[in-house]
Amino acid sequence: MSVPYIPGLEGVVAAQTEISHVDGANGRLIYRGGYLIPELADRSFEEVAHLLWMGVLPDPDQLSELKRKLAALRALNRSARSALEGLPQDADPMDALRTLVSAQGAGPGISKPSLGDAVAITAMMPTAVAAFHRHRQGLTPVEPRPDLDHAANFLYMLDGREPEPDRVRYLQTYMVLLADHGLNASTFTARVVGSTGSDLWSAVVGGICALKGPAHGGAATAAISMIERVGGPELAESFVVTTLDRHERLMGFGHRVYRTYDPRARILRELCRTANPTFYEVASRVEETALRELARRHPERPNATNVDYYSAGVLQAAGFPKEFFTPVFACARVVGWTAHVIEYMARDGRLIRPESEWVGPDPDRRTSAA
């Protein structure tokens, strides 16, 4: 029986998972244990990491222990520090993150994916991002502080100043919302790497490589670049209409799975309203016109607001340059990547090896024709 080729594997079931589920028809994101994403938006990043890794929200002792482990594993090792020094200052931040994760995880042989490795990778990635941010400026890295929680320490390492609580809240909410999202391209890549029997560090490097692509992880940077070109809220309508008349794409609208408004975008929209009012004033006016015009011009397909649109304003309010939006995304999604690989290897572990359909010449006919 011939199996039809489906470009992009759209609609093809390639995994069974308890980590998360994207209910695109109803606009719901469900995390492990059956939690809807609005129920978790005010939780700490560490709590949600525990949920995705272990299947339950932690009790106070479990949360304290996870925070202790993360704090103890934040520092870059000698290999990663040497790699940092060798990076050109104008390197793409995702290239820098890929390089530093690979250097940190370099070791003898191949180790089986484990929760210990998941914690270690999650702990060091913000350190890598912050260290490269300072490297670009010709500054030495700020060492992590064990007394600060994950999001607060991330911001502290950017400039050496303890961050305001609001900035921590902006980053933490973003990271919770982006920690996992079904079988997206980078998660699928990490699962494929893990299925070969490779180690968890390699699987995460694969996820980083997939996330770097603008069709997956770069949309928030593109969204804020678009908002910066609008010129003010009073110009929002003309900007949208002109852009669409030119058959150019509006960034931050439409999603491969969601048929309605992205539930993460709803949360980030309200957060952005107070976190970044200047951005919000323009972005909300652009959104209003964009949703109207896209529905009128393309009634055949949904084009609701996606997570990238307002995450741009939230990350800017947290203090990140737009070139670092995708690395911050990776620092959140690494929890999902590692949870998926560990789950797959424990549940199935079969090498992921789909078929391809041959569309080249028939060897017999080629020989006969000659």
Protein backbone atom coordinates (compact mmCIF):
# COMPACT_ATOMS: atom_id res chain seq x y z
CA MET A 1 0.00 0.00 0.00
CA SER A 2 1.43 3.33 -1.07
CA VAL A 3 1.63 6.04 1.57
CA PRO A 4 1.09 9.55 0.12
CA TYR A 5 3.85 12.11 0.40
CA ILE A 6 2.81 15.11 2.51
CA PRO A 7 5.13 18.15 2.23
CA GLY A 8 6.29 19.31 5.64
CA LEU A 9 4.68 16.21 7.22
CA GLU A 10 1.61 18.35 7.95
CA GLY A 11 -1.00 16.31 9.78
CA VAL A 12 1.29 13.27 10.05
CA VAL A 13 1.39 11.81 13.58
CA ALA A 14 5.08 11.21 14.34
CA ALA A 15 5.04 10.97 18.14
CA GLN A 16 3.00 10.05 21.18
CA THR A 17 3.73 12.36 24.10
CA GLU A 18 2.55 13.55 27.49
CA ILE A 19 4.78 16.65 27.46
CA SER A 20 2.42 19.10 25.73
CA HIS A 21 -0.40 19.30 23.22
CA VAL A 22 -1.32 22.08 20.80
CA ASP A 23 -5.09 22.06 20.35
CA GLY A 24 -5.12 24.26 17.29
CA ALA A 25 -8.84 24.06 16.58
CA ASN A 26 -9.78 25.35 20.02
CA GLY A 27 -6.81 27.63 20.63
CA ARG A 28 -5.47 25.73 23.63
CA LEU A 29 -1.96 24.78 24.74
CA ILE A 30 -1.94 21.95 27.27
CA TYR A 31 1.14 21.17 29.34
CA ARG A 32 1.96 17.89 31.03
CA GLY A 33 -0.58 16.79 33.62
CA GLY A 34 -3.44 18.42 31.70
CA TYR A 35 -2.65 22.01 32.67
CA LEU A 36 -3.92 24.72 30.33
CA ILE A 37 -1.28 27.37 29.73
CA PRO A 38 -3.20 30.22 31.46
CA GLU A 39 -3.11 28.13 34.67
CA LEU A 40 0.69 28.16 34.60
CA ALA A 41 1.49 31.65 33.35
CA ASP A 42 2.12 32.99 36.87
CA ARG A 43 4.22 30.01 37.97
CA SER A 44 7.99 30.16 38.20
CA PHE A 45 10.12 28.78 35.40
CA GLU A 46 11.55 26.20 37.78
CA GLU A 47 8.07 24.94 38.69
CA VAL A 48 7.13 24.48 35.04
CA ALA A 49 10.47 22.82 34.25
CA HIS A 50 9.79 20.32 37.03
CA LEU A 51 6.31 19.71 35.63
CA LEU A 52 7.58 19.01 32.10
CA TRP A 53 10.46 16.84 33.28
CA MET A 54 8.76 14.97 36.13
CA GLY A 55 5.06 15.11 35.29
CA VAL A 56 3.95 16.97 38.43
CA LEU A 57 4.29 20.42 39.88
CA PRO A 58 6.88 20.38 42.67
CA ASP A 59 6.18 20.62 46.38
CA PRO A 60 8.28 23.21 48.28
CA ASP A 61 11.10 20.78 49.00
CA GLN A 62 11.27 19.55 45.41
CA LEU A 63 11.26 23.12 44.13
CA SER A 64 14.04 24.12 46.49
CA GLU A 65 16.12 21.12 45.40
CA LEU A 66 15.66 21.88 41.70
CA LYS A 67 16.65 25.51 42.23
CA ARG A 68 19.74 24.35 44.11
CA LYS A 69 20.77 22.02 41.30
CA LEU A 70 20.23 24.64 38.61
CA ALA A 71 22.24 27.22 40.56
CA ALA A 72 25.12 24.79 41.03
CA LEU A 73 25.41 24.05 37.29
CA ARG A 74 25.26 27.54 35.78
CA ALA A 75 28.94 28.27 35.29
CA LEU A 76 30.68 27.79 31.92
CA ASN A 77 33.42 25.19 32.05
CA ARG A 78 36.94 25.65 30.70
CA SER A 79 36.06 24.40 27.23
CA ALA A 80 33.10 26.77 26.90
CA ARG A 81 35.12 29.74 28.19
CA SER A 82 37.84 29.03 25.64
CA ALA A 83 35.23 28.77 22.90
CA LEU A 84 33.72 32.09 24.00
CA GLU A 85 37.07 33.83 23.73
CA GLY A 86 37.50 32.51 20.20
CA LEU A 87 34.12 33.69 18.93
CA PRO A 88 34.06 36.76 16.66
CA GLN A 89 32.14 39.61 18.25
CA ASP A 90 29.87 39.89 15.22
CA ALA A 91 28.87 36.22 15.26
CA ASP A 92 25.17 35.44 15.14
CA PRO A 93 24.05 34.95 18.76
CA MET A 94 22.50 31.60 17.84
CA ASP A 95 25.81 30.45 16.38
CA ALA A 96 27.45 31.49 19.65
CA LEU A 97 24.88 29.58 21.70
CA ARG A 98 25.28 26.47 19.53
CA THR A 99 29.05 26.63 19.92
CA LEU A 100 29.05 27.16 23.67
CA VAL A 101 26.54 24.39 24.37
CA SER A 102 28.58 22.02 22.24
CA ALA A 103 31.81 22.98 24.02
CA GLN A 104 30.23 22.69 27.48
CA GLY A 105 28.96 19.20 26.66
CA ALA A 106 32.13 17.87 25.04
CA GLY A 107 33.36 14.73 26.77
CA PRO A 108 34.46 11.13 26.27
CA GLY A 109 32.02 8.77 24.62
CA ILE A 110 28.22 9.01 24.56
CA SER A 111 26.07 9.20 27.68
CA LYS A 112 22.44 8.15 27.86
CA PRO A 113 20.03 11.14 28.06
CA SER A 114 19.22 11.84 31.71
CA LEU A 115 17.44 14.32 33.91
CA GLY A 116 20.83 15.36 35.29
CA ASP A 117 21.97 16.38 31.82
CA ALA A 118 18.67 18.19 31.21
CA VAL A 119 19.19 20.27 34.36
CA ALA A 120 22.83 20.95 33.48
CA ILE A 121 22.04 22.15 29.95
CA THR A 122 19.11 24.28 31.11
CA ALA A 123 21.26 25.83 33.83
CA MET A 124 24.17 26.87 31.58
CA MET A 125 22.35 28.18 28.52
CA PRO A 126 21.39 31.59 30.02
CA THR A 127 25.01 31.94 31.17
CA ALA A 128 26.16 31.29 27.59
CA VAL A 129 23.73 33.84 26.13
CA ALA A 130 24.59 36.53 28.68
CA ALA A 131 28.33 35.88 28.35
CA PHE A 132 28.21 36.29 24.57
CA HIS A 133 26.11 39.44 24.92
CA ARG A 134 28.92 40.95 26.98
CA HIS A 135 31.59 39.49 24.69
CA ARG A 136 30.06 41.46 21.80
CA GLN A 137 30.62 44.61 23.83
CA GLY A 138 34.21 43.74 24.73
CA LEU A 139 33.25 43.05 28.34
CA THR A 140 34.09 40.12 30.59
CA PRO A 141 31.26 37.77 31.55
CA VAL A 142 29.35 38.33 34.79
CA GLU A 143 29.52 35.23 36.95
CA PRO A 144 26.17 33.68 37.93
CA ARG A 145 24.78 34.24 41.41
CA PRO A 146 23.55 31.12 43.22
CA ASP A 147 21.20 33.15 45.42
CA LEU A 148 19.08 34.33 42.47
CA ASP A 149 16.39 32.26 40.77
CA HIS A 150 16.74 31.23 37.14
CA ALA A 151 15.13 34.23 35.40
CA ALA A 152 16.57 36.82 37.81
CA ASN A 153 20.05 35.42 37.43
CA PHE A 154 19.73 35.47 33.62
CA LEU A 155 19.03 39.20 33.71
CA TYR A 156 21.70 39.82 36.32
CA MET A 157 24.36 38.28 34.10
CA LEU A 158 23.51 40.66 31.26
CA ASP A 159 24.76 43.79 33.04
CA GLY A 160 25.84 42.85 36.56
CA ARG A 161 22.92 44.62 38.24
CA GLU A 162 20.22 42.85 40.18
CA PRO A 163 17.09 43.25 38.04
CA GLU A 164 13.87 44.92 39.06
CA PRO A 165 11.06 42.48 39.96
CA ASP A 166 8.97 43.57 36.98
CA ARG A 167 11.73 42.67 34.51
CA VAL A 168 12.07 39.26 36.15
CA ARG A 169 8.32 38.75 35.84
CA TYR A 170 8.34 39.66 32.14
CA LEU A 171 11.11 37.17 31.40
CA GLN A 172 9.73 34.44 33.61
CA THR A 173 6.26 34.60 32.07
CA TYR A 174 7.75 34.49 28.59
CA MET A 175 9.92 31.48 29.43
CA VAL A 176 7.01 29.57 30.99
CA LEU A 177 4.86 30.16 27.91
CA LEU A 178 7.62 29.11 25.50
CA ALA A 179 8.94 26.10 27.44
CA ASP A 180 7.25 23.63 25.12
CA HIS A 181 4.88 23.55 22.17
CA GLY A 182 4.16 20.11 20.80
CA LEU A 183 6.11 18.56 17.96
CA ASN A 184 7.52 21.74 16.45
CA ALA A 185 10.55 21.65 14.12
CA SER A 186 13.24 22.02 16.78
CA THR A 187 11.61 19.51 19.14
CA PHE A 188 11.26 17.01 16.32
CA THR A 189 14.92 17.56 15.44
CA ALA A 190 15.97 16.92 19.04
CA ARG A 191 13.89 13.73 19.10
CA VAL A 192 15.49 12.52 15.85
CA VAL A 193 18.98 13.10 17.22
CA GLY A 194 18.06 11.37 20.49
CA SER A 195 16.61 8.40 18.60
CA THR A 196 20.03 7.62 17.12
CA GLY A 197 21.33 6.87 20.61
CA SER A 198 23.23 10.14 20.79
CA ASP A 199 23.61 12.16 23.98
CA LEU A 200 21.30 14.89 25.23
CA TRP A 201 23.82 17.69 24.58
CA SER A 202 23.93 16.74 20.90
CA ALA A 203 20.14 16.60 20.74
CA VAL A 204 19.93 20.12 22.17
CA VAL A 205 22.52 21.40 19.70
CA GLY A 206 20.31 19.96 16.96
CA GLY A 207 17.32 21.79 18.43
CA ILE A 208 19.28 25.06 18.50
CA CYS A 209 20.24 24.63 14.85
CA ALA A 210 16.59 24.12 13.88
CA LEU A 211 15.40 27.04 15.99
CA LYS A 212 17.87 29.40 14.30
CA GLY A 213 15.90 29.25 11.06
CA PRO A 214 13.71 32.34 10.55
CA ALA A 215 10.67 30.18 9.76
CA HIS A 216 10.79 28.81 13.31
CA GLY A 217 12.60 30.89 15.93
CA GLY A 218 13.29 34.25 14.35
CA ALA A 219 9.77 35.62 14.06
CA ALA A 220 9.83 37.75 17.23
CA THR A 221 12.88 39.64 15.97
CA ALA A 222 11.15 40.12 12.63
CA ALA A 223 7.99 41.32 14.39
CA ILE A 224 9.72 44.03 16.38
CA SER A 225 11.67 45.13 13.30
CA MET A 226 8.34 45.52 11.52
CA ILE A 227 6.81 47.54 14.37
CA GLU A 228 9.85 49.82 14.35
CA ARG A 229 9.15 50.65 10.68
CA VAL A 230 5.53 51.70 11.26
CA GLY A 231 6.36 55.23 12.41
CA GLY A 232 3.69 55.63 15.10
CA PRO A 233 0.17 54.47 16.01
CA GLU A 234 -1.46 57.02 13.71
CA LEU A 235 0.33 55.41 10.75
CA ALA A 236 -0.59 51.83 11.63
CA GLU A 237 -3.52 51.48 9.24
CA SER A 238 -1.72 52.87 6.22
CA PHE A 239 1.33 50.71 7.02
CA VAL A 240 -0.73 47.52 7.11
CA VAL A 241 -2.71 48.30 3.97
CA THR A 242 0.39 49.32 2.01
CA THR A 243 2.29 46.23 3.14
CA LEU A 244 -0.50 43.89 2.09
CA ASP A 245 -1.06 45.75 -1.19
CA ARG A 246 2.58 45.02 -1.97
CA HIS A 247 1.95 41.33 -1.18
CA GLU A 248 4.48 41.50 1.65
CA ARG A 249 4.12 39.49 4.83
CA LEU A 250 2.98 40.90 8.16
CA MET A 251 5.12 39.32 10.86
CA GLY A 252 3.43 37.81 13.92
CA PHE A 253 0.22 36.64 12.26
CA GLY A 254 -0.82 33.13 11.29
CA HIS A 255 0.31 29.78 12.66
CA ARG A 256 0.87 26.31 11.25
CA VAL A 257 -1.38 24.70 13.88
CA TYR A 258 -3.59 27.29 15.59
CA ARG A 259 -6.79 28.09 13.75
CA THR A 260 -7.58 30.86 16.20
CA TYR A 261 -5.78 33.36 18.46
CA ASP A 262 -2.65 31.85 20.02
CA PRO A 263 -3.43 31.42 23.76
CA ARG A 264 0.14 32.46 24.63
CA ALA A 265 -0.29 35.66 22.63
CA ARG A 266 -3.37 36.60 24.70
CA ILE A 267 -1.31 36.43 27.90
CA LEU A 268 1.65 38.29 26.42
CA ARG A 269 -0.64 40.96 24.95
CA GLU A 270 -1.95 41.88 28.39
CA LEU A 271 1.54 41.76 29.88
CA CYS A 272 2.90 43.95 27.08
CA ARG A 273 0.18 46.55 27.71
CA THR A 274 1.87 47.60 30.96
CA ALA A 275 5.39 46.27 30.39
CA ASN A 276 6.02 48.14 27.15
CA PRO A 277 3.29 50.75 26.52
CA THR A 278 5.18 52.48 23.69
CA PHE A 279 5.49 49.22 21.77
CA TYR A 280 1.93 48.23 22.69
CA GLU A 281 0.42 51.47 21.41
CA VAL A 282 1.76 50.86 17.93
CA ALA A 283 1.48 47.05 17.97
CA SER A 284 -2.16 46.99 19.07
CA ARG A 285 -3.15 49.43 16.31
CA VAL A 286 -1.28 47.39 13.73
CA GLU A 287 -2.91 44.23 15.05
CA GLU A 288 -6.41 45.69 14.85
CA THR A 289 -5.98 46.64 11.21
CA ALA A 290 -4.06 43.48 10.31
CA LEU A 291 -6.71 41.12 11.65
CA ARG A 292 -9.43 43.00 9.79
CA GLU A 293 -7.54 43.16 6.50
CA LEU A 294 -6.26 39.61 6.61
CA ALA A 295 -9.78 38.27 7.26
CA ARG A 296 -11.14 40.35 4.38
CA ARG A 297 -8.40 39.49 1.89
CA HIS A 298 -7.86 35.86 2.88
CA PRO A 299 -11.12 34.46 4.28
CA GLU A 300 -9.99 30.98 3.21
CA ARG A 301 -7.32 30.73 5.92
CA PRO A 302 -6.97 31.86 9.54
CA ASN A 303 -4.37 34.53 10.28
CA ALA A 304 -4.76 35.26 13.98
CA THR A 305 -2.03 36.77 16.14
CA ASN A 306 0.68 34.33 17.17
CA VAL A 307 3.05 34.22 20.15
CA ASP A 308 5.90 36.02 18.41
CA TYR A 309 4.00 39.28 17.97
CA TYR A 310 3.72 40.42 21.58
CA SER A 311 6.66 38.39 22.86
CA ALA A 312 8.83 40.91 21.01
CA GLY A 313 7.55 43.74 23.20
CA VAL A 314 7.85 41.70 26.38
CA LEU A 315 11.44 40.66 25.68
CA GLN A 316 12.34 44.24 24.86
CA ALA A 317 10.85 45.36 28.17
CA ALA A 318 12.85 42.68 29.96
CA GLY A 319 16.02 44.25 28.55
CA PHE A 320 17.09 42.04 25.66
CA PRO A 321 18.31 43.41 22.31
CA LYS A 322 16.24 42.06 19.43
CA GLU A 323 19.23 40.08 18.10
CA PHE A 324 19.01 37.96 21.27
CA PHE A 325 15.29 37.14 21.14
CA THR A 326 15.86 33.73 19.53
CA PRO A 327 18.59 32.67 22.00
CA VAL A 328 16.25 33.58 24.87
CA PHE A 329 13.59 31.48 23.15
CA ALA A 330 16.09 28.59 23.15
CA CYS A 331 16.76 29.06 26.86
CA ALA A 332 13.06 28.49 27.48
CA ARG A 333 12.46 25.71 24.94
CA VAL A 334 15.42 23.64 26.13
CA VAL A 335 13.16 22.28 28.89
CA GLY A 336 10.78 20.95 26.27
CA TRP A 337 13.56 19.59 24.06
CA THR A 338 15.13 17.65 26.90
CA ALA A 339 11.78 16.41 28.25
CA HIS A 340 10.80 15.10 24.82
CA VAL A 341 14.09 13.28 24.24
CA ILE A 342 14.03 11.65 27.67
CA GLU A 343 10.39 10.65 27.22
CA TYR A 344 10.98 9.20 23.75
CA MET A 345 14.03 7.19 24.73
CA ALA A 346 12.26 5.78 27.79
CA ARG A 347 8.99 5.03 26.00
CA ASP A 348 10.10 3.88 22.55
CA GLY A 349 13.65 4.74 21.57
CA ARG A 350 13.26 3.37 18.04
CA LEU A 351 15.43 5.05 15.44
CA ILE A 352 13.32 7.67 13.63
CA ARG A 353 13.77 6.77 9.99
CA PRO A 354 10.86 7.70 7.68
CA GLU A 355 10.65 6.67 4.03
CA SER A 356 11.20 8.89 1.02
CA GLU A 357 9.44 8.66 -2.35
CA TRP A 358 11.73 8.18 -5.36
CA VAL A 359 10.91 10.64 -8.19
CA GLY A 360 14.06 10.10 -10.25
CA PRO A 361 14.36 8.08 -13.48
CA ASP A 362 13.56 4.36 -13.57
CA PRO A 363 16.92 2.54 -13.98
CA ASP A 364 15.37 -0.10 -16.29
CA ARG A 365 13.82 2.47 -18.60
CA ARG A 366 17.03 4.48 -18.65
CA THR A 367 19.00 1.40 -19.71
CA SER A 368 16.47 0.49 -22.42
CA ALA A 369 16.46 4.02 -23.82
CA ALA A 370 20.26 3.97 -24.10
